[in-house]
Amino acid sequence: MAIEIERKFLLSNEDWRKEVHQSSRIAQGYLSSDPDRVVRVRLRAEQGFITIKGKTAGIERIEFEYEIPFADAEALLALCPNTLDKTRHLIDFAGYIWEIDEFHGENAPLIIAELELPASDASYTKPVWADEEVSDDPRYFNSYLSEHPYSSW
């Protein structure tokens, strides 16, 4: 079983931009956004993915992600009642890859830094541009943002 262990942070400034080594646009939607089980469809570059996530417990939850044909992902995304549009920027920092999600559309100007860890008690160094941790705030879950855009808060 795959376990996702993820911390989320708001950003304090734009300094992270000069550290980006890769960026890609992502469209994603949710076939199910029930807090006990989320089913996500994602388009990224020329790839499609389907992801099933279990209920979050602290910063952990089960996660299964599979690549699917791009055309299938496009068709499934069309079934989703709400979608997100974001650019994911990758930064190497202190032995980890930080994912910076810059949201577009109704979720702009929200930007969230995400860090996936190998264990919930793993040590890490927080960059100076990573500010308040929001890992425990469900409003910052992408599934929530797809139904309750940041601009409506």
C-alpha atoms as a PDB file:
ATOM      1  CA  MET A   1       0.000   0.000   0.000  1.00  0.00           C
ATOM      2  CA  ALA A   2       1.310   3.456  -0.917  1.00  0.00           C
ATOM      3  CA  ILE A   3       1.293   6.125   1.787  1.00  0.00           C
ATOM      4  CA  GLU A   4       1.446   9.838   0.993  1.00  0.00           C
ATOM      5  CA  ILE A   5       3.095  11.888   3.730  1.00  0.00           C
ATOM      6  CA  GLU A   6       2.786  15.537   2.814  1.00  0.00           C
ATOM      7  CA  ARG A   7       3.265  18.920   4.440  1.00  0.00           C
ATOM      8  CA  LYS A   8       1.803  22.117   2.951  1.00  0.00           C
ATOM      9  CA  PHE A   9       2.973  25.682   3.461  1.00  0.00           C
ATOM     10  CA  LEU A  10       1.894  29.136   2.413  1.00  0.00           C
ATOM     11  CA  LEU A  11       4.665  31.275   0.948  1.00  0.00           C
ATOM     12  CA  SER A  12       6.113  34.415   2.490  1.00  0.00           C
ATOM     13  CA  ASN A  13       7.598  35.946  -0.662  1.00  0.00           C
ATOM     14  CA  GLU A  14       8.494  35.358  -4.323  1.00  0.00           C
ATOM     15  CA  ASP A  15      12.133  34.321  -3.721  1.00  0.00           C
ATOM     16  CA  TRP A  16      11.286  30.697  -4.529  1.00  0.00           C
ATOM     17  CA  ARG A  17      10.871  31.603  -8.218  1.00  0.00           C
ATOM     18  CA  LYS A  18      14.622  31.916  -8.816  1.00  0.00           C
ATOM     19  CA  GLU A  19      15.125  28.330  -7.550  1.00  0.00           C
ATOM     20  CA  VAL A  20      12.642  26.619  -9.924  1.00  0.00           C
ATOM     21  CA  HIS A  21      14.226  23.996 -12.174  1.00  0.00           C
ATOM     22  CA  GLN A  22      11.064  22.660 -13.850  1.00  0.00           C
ATOM     23  CA  SER A  23       7.457  23.787 -14.345  1.00  0.00           C
ATOM     24  CA  SER A  24       4.396  22.151 -15.891  1.00  0.00           C
ATOM     25  CA  ARG A  25       0.735  23.051 -16.284  1.00  0.00           C
ATOM     26  CA  ILE A  26      -1.785  20.718 -14.635  1.00  0.00           C
ATOM     27  CA  ALA A  27      -5.537  20.356 -15.098  1.00  0.00           C
ATOM     28  CA  GLN A  28      -7.288  18.172 -12.551  1.00  0.00           C
ATOM     29  CA  GLY A  29     -10.753  17.324 -11.386  1.00  0.00           C
ATOM     30  CA  TYR A  30     -12.451  15.089  -8.851  1.00  0.00           C
ATOM     31  CA  LEU A  31     -14.820  12.236  -9.626  1.00  0.00           C
ATOM     32  CA  SER A  32     -15.272  11.903  -5.855  1.00  0.00           C
ATOM     33  CA  SER A  33     -14.297  14.460  -3.237  1.00  0.00           C
ATOM     34  CA  ASP A  34     -15.702  12.614  -0.226  1.00  0.00           C
ATOM     35  CA  PRO A  35     -13.266  13.208   2.690  1.00  0.00           C
ATOM     36  CA  ASP A  36     -12.993   9.431   3.196  1.00  0.00           C
ATOM     37  CA  ARG A  37     -12.038   8.746  -0.444  1.00  0.00           C
ATOM     38  CA  VAL A  38     -10.964  11.122  -3.160  1.00  0.00           C
ATOM     39  CA  VAL A  39     -10.759  10.085  -6.815  1.00  0.00           C
ATOM     40  CA  ARG A  40      -8.759  12.532  -8.904  1.00  0.00           C
ATOM     41  CA  VAL A  41      -8.129  12.766 -12.645  1.00  0.00           C
ATOM     42  CA  ARG A  42      -5.115  14.742 -13.826  1.00  0.00           C
ATOM     43  CA  LEU A  43      -3.693  15.920 -17.146  1.00  0.00           C
ATOM     44  CA  ARG A  44      -0.035  16.920 -17.095  1.00  0.00           C
ATOM     45  CA  ALA A  45       1.932  17.530 -20.272  1.00  0.00           C
ATOM     46  CA  GLU A  46       0.896  14.646 -22.547  1.00  0.00           C
ATOM     47  CA  GLN A  47       0.096  12.255 -19.689  1.00  0.00           C
ATOM     48  CA  GLY A  48      -3.090  11.289 -17.894  1.00  0.00           C
ATOM     49  CA  PHE A  49      -3.398   9.957 -14.356  1.00  0.00           C
ATOM     50  CA  ILE A  50      -6.065   8.640 -12.034  1.00  0.00           C
ATOM     51  CA  THR A  51      -5.429   8.803  -8.297  1.00  0.00           C
ATOM     52  CA  ILE A  52      -7.336   7.378  -5.361  1.00  0.00           C
ATOM     53  CA  LYS A  53      -6.608   8.818  -1.913  1.00  0.00           C
ATOM     54  CA  GLY A  54      -7.944   7.711   1.447  1.00  0.00           C
ATOM     55  CA  LYS A  55      -8.908   9.782   4.463  1.00  0.00           C
ATOM     56  CA  THR A  56      -6.201  12.065   5.791  1.00  0.00           C
ATOM     57  CA  ALA A  57      -4.853  11.219   9.246  1.00  0.00           C
ATOM     58  CA  GLY A  58      -2.476  13.970  10.345  1.00  0.00           C
ATOM     59  CA  ILE A  59      -0.184  14.377   7.341  1.00  0.00           C
ATOM     60  CA  GLU A  60      -0.628  10.794   6.076  1.00  0.00           C
ATOM     61  CA  ARG A  61      -3.097   9.025   3.809  1.00  0.00           C
ATOM     62  CA  ILE A  62      -3.112   6.102   1.441  1.00  0.00           C
ATOM     63  CA  GLU A  63      -2.595   7.003  -2.190  1.00  0.00           C
ATOM     64  CA  PHE A  64      -2.710   4.986  -5.395  1.00  0.00           C
ATOM     65  CA  GLU A  65      -1.800   6.737  -8.649  1.00  0.00           C
ATOM     66  CA  TYR A  66      -1.819   5.189 -12.108  1.00  0.00           C
ATOM     67  CA  GLU A  67      -0.991   6.520 -15.528  1.00  0.00           C
ATOM     68  CA  ILE A  68      -3.905   6.108 -17.938  1.00  0.00           C
ATOM     69  CA  PRO A  69      -4.228   6.935 -21.636  1.00  0.00           C
ATOM     70  CA  PHE A  70      -4.364  10.693 -22.203  1.00  0.00           C
ATOM     71  CA  ALA A  71      -7.649  10.451 -24.144  1.00  0.00           C
ATOM     72  CA  ASP A  72      -9.214   8.502 -21.256  1.00  0.00           C
ATOM     73  CA  ALA A  73      -8.047  11.143 -18.771  1.00  0.00           C
ATOM     74  CA  GLU A  74      -9.528  13.901 -20.969  1.00  0.00           C
ATOM     75  CA  ALA A  75     -12.871  12.060 -21.096  1.00  0.00           C
ATOM     76  CA  LEU A  76     -12.870  11.475 -17.322  1.00  0.00           C
ATOM     77  CA  LEU A  77     -11.924  15.093 -16.638  1.00  0.00           C
ATOM     78  CA  ALA A  78     -14.970  16.156 -18.651  1.00  0.00           C
ATOM     79  CA  LEU A  79     -17.115  14.167 -16.167  1.00  0.00           C
ATOM     80  CA  CYS A  80     -15.767  16.123 -13.196  1.00  0.00           C
ATOM     81  CA  PRO A  81     -18.130  18.834 -11.920  1.00  0.00           C
ATOM     82  CA  ASN A  82     -15.255  21.101 -10.858  1.00  0.00           C
ATOM     83  CA  THR A  83     -11.693  21.365 -12.093  1.00  0.00           C
ATOM     84  CA  LEU A  84      -8.485  23.095 -11.077  1.00  0.00           C
ATOM     85  CA  ASP A  85      -5.870  24.753 -13.237  1.00  0.00           C
ATOM     86  CA  LYS A  86      -2.404  25.228 -11.783  1.00  0.00           C
ATOM     87  CA  THR A  87       1.267  25.340 -12.631  1.00  0.00           C
ATOM     88  CA  ARG A  88       3.518  23.062 -10.619  1.00  0.00           C
ATOM     89  CA  HIS A  89       7.050  24.308 -10.099  1.00  0.00           C
ATOM     90  CA  LEU A  90       9.777  21.991  -8.776  1.00  0.00           C
ATOM     91  CA  ILE A  91      12.608  23.100  -6.508  1.00  0.00           C
ATOM     92  CA  ASP A  92      15.476  21.012  -5.103  1.00  0.00           C
ATOM     93  CA  PHE A  93      16.153  22.127  -1.555  1.00  0.00           C
ATOM     94  CA  ALA A  94      18.120  20.438   1.246  1.00  0.00           C
ATOM     95  CA  GLY A  95      17.715  16.919  -0.128  1.00  0.00           C
ATOM     96  CA  TYR A  96      14.017  17.111  -1.023  1.00  0.00           C
ATOM     97  CA  ILE A  97      11.948  18.175  -4.009  1.00  0.00           C
ATOM     98  CA  TRP A  98       9.544  20.952  -3.075  1.00  0.00           C
ATOM     99  CA  GLU A  99       6.446  21.257  -5.286  1.00  0.00           C
ATOM    100  CA  ILE A 100       5.098  24.785  -5.577  1.00  0.00           C
ATOM    101  CA  ASP A 101       1.522  24.893  -6.891  1.00  0.00           C
ATOM    102  CA  GLU A 102       0.592  28.243  -8.397  1.00  0.00           C
ATOM    103  CA  PHE A 103      -3.168  28.252  -8.938  1.00  0.00           C
ATOM    104  CA  HIS A 104      -4.945  29.968 -11.815  1.00  0.00           C
ATOM    105  CA  GLY A 105      -8.540  31.018 -12.452  1.00  0.00           C
ATOM    106  CA  GLU A 106     -10.783  31.278  -9.408  1.00  0.00           C
ATOM    107  CA  ASN A 107      -8.035  29.957  -7.123  1.00  0.00           C
ATOM    108  CA  ALA A 108      -5.540  32.679  -8.059  1.00  0.00           C
ATOM    109  CA  PRO A 109      -3.453  34.146  -6.515  1.00  0.00           C
ATOM    110  CA  LEU A 110      -3.058  31.164  -4.149  1.00  0.00           C
ATOM    111  CA  ILE A 111       0.380  29.544  -4.111  1.00  0.00           C
ATOM    112  CA  ILE A 112       1.134  26.535  -1.891  1.00  0.00           C
ATOM    113  CA  ALA A 113       4.426  24.718  -1.275  1.00  0.00           C
ATOM    114  CA  GLU A 114       4.149  20.958  -0.775  1.00  0.00           C
ATOM    115  CA  LEU A 115       6.782  18.624   0.585  1.00  0.00           C
ATOM    116  CA  GLU A 116       6.424  14.828   0.422  1.00  0.00           C
ATOM    117  CA  LEU A 117       8.381  13.049   3.115  1.00  0.00           C
ATOM    118  CA  PRO A 118       9.485   9.408   3.504  1.00  0.00           C
ATOM    119  CA  ALA A 119       8.107   9.260   7.088  1.00  0.00           C
ATOM    120  CA  SER A 120       5.869  11.476   9.197  1.00  0.00           C
ATOM    121  CA  ASP A 121       8.735  12.123  11.626  1.00  0.00           C
ATOM    122  CA  ALA A 122      11.348  12.756   8.913  1.00  0.00           C
ATOM    123  CA  SER A 123      13.442  15.839   9.501  1.00  0.00           C
ATOM    124  CA  TYR A 124      13.620  18.542   6.864  1.00  0.00           C
ATOM    125  CA  THR A 125      14.848  22.085   6.489  1.00  0.00           C
ATOM    126  CA  LYS A 126      12.214  24.659   5.703  1.00  0.00           C
ATOM    127  CA  PRO A 127      13.256  27.248   3.098  1.00  0.00           C
ATOM    128  CA  VAL A 128      12.983  30.905   4.129  1.00  0.00           C
ATOM    129  CA  TRP A 129      10.190  31.412   1.577  1.00  0.00           C
ATOM    130  CA  ALA A 130       8.030  28.682   3.174  1.00  0.00           C
ATOM    131  CA  ASP A 131       5.876  30.358   5.801  1.00  0.00           C
ATOM    132  CA  GLU A 132       2.811  29.147   7.732  1.00  0.00           C
ATOM    133  CA  GLU A 133       2.154  25.402   7.652  1.00  0.00           C
ATOM    134  CA  VAL A 134      -1.410  24.591   6.521  1.00  0.00           C
ATOM    135  CA  SER A 135      -1.155  20.780   6.368  1.00  0.00           C
ATOM    136  CA  ASP A 136      -4.007  20.399   8.861  1.00  0.00           C
ATOM    137  CA  ASP A 137      -6.314  22.938   7.196  1.00  0.00           C
ATOM    138  CA  PRO A 138      -8.653  21.104   4.788  1.00  0.00           C
ATOM    139  CA  ARG A 139      -9.391  24.359   2.929  1.00  0.00           C
ATOM    140  CA  TYR A 140      -5.995  23.959   1.262  1.00  0.00           C
ATOM    141  CA  PHE A 141      -6.716  20.457  -0.054  1.00  0.00           C
ATOM    142  CA  ASN A 142      -7.044  20.562  -3.831  1.00  0.00           C
ATOM    143  CA  SER A 143     -10.344  18.665  -3.648  1.00  0.00           C
ATOM    144  CA  TYR A 144     -11.752  21.423  -1.419  1.00  0.00           C
ATOM    145  CA  LEU A 145     -10.381  24.177  -3.658  1.00  0.00           C
ATOM    146  CA  SER A 146     -12.098  22.600  -6.671  1.00  0.00           C
ATOM    147  CA  GLU A 147     -15.487  23.099  -4.970  1.00  0.00           C
ATOM    148  CA  HIS A 148     -14.732  26.236  -2.921  1.00  0.00           C
ATOM    149  CA  PRO A 149     -12.330  28.420  -4.907  1.00  0.00           C
ATOM    150  CA  TYR A 150      -9.874  30.578  -2.990  1.00  0.00           C
ATOM    151  CA  SER A 151     -11.408  33.739  -4.477  1.00  0.00           C
ATOM    152  CA  SER A 152     -14.700  32.970  -2.651  1.00  0.00           C
ATOM    153  CA  TRP A 153     -13.198  32.761   0.850  1.00  0.00           C
END
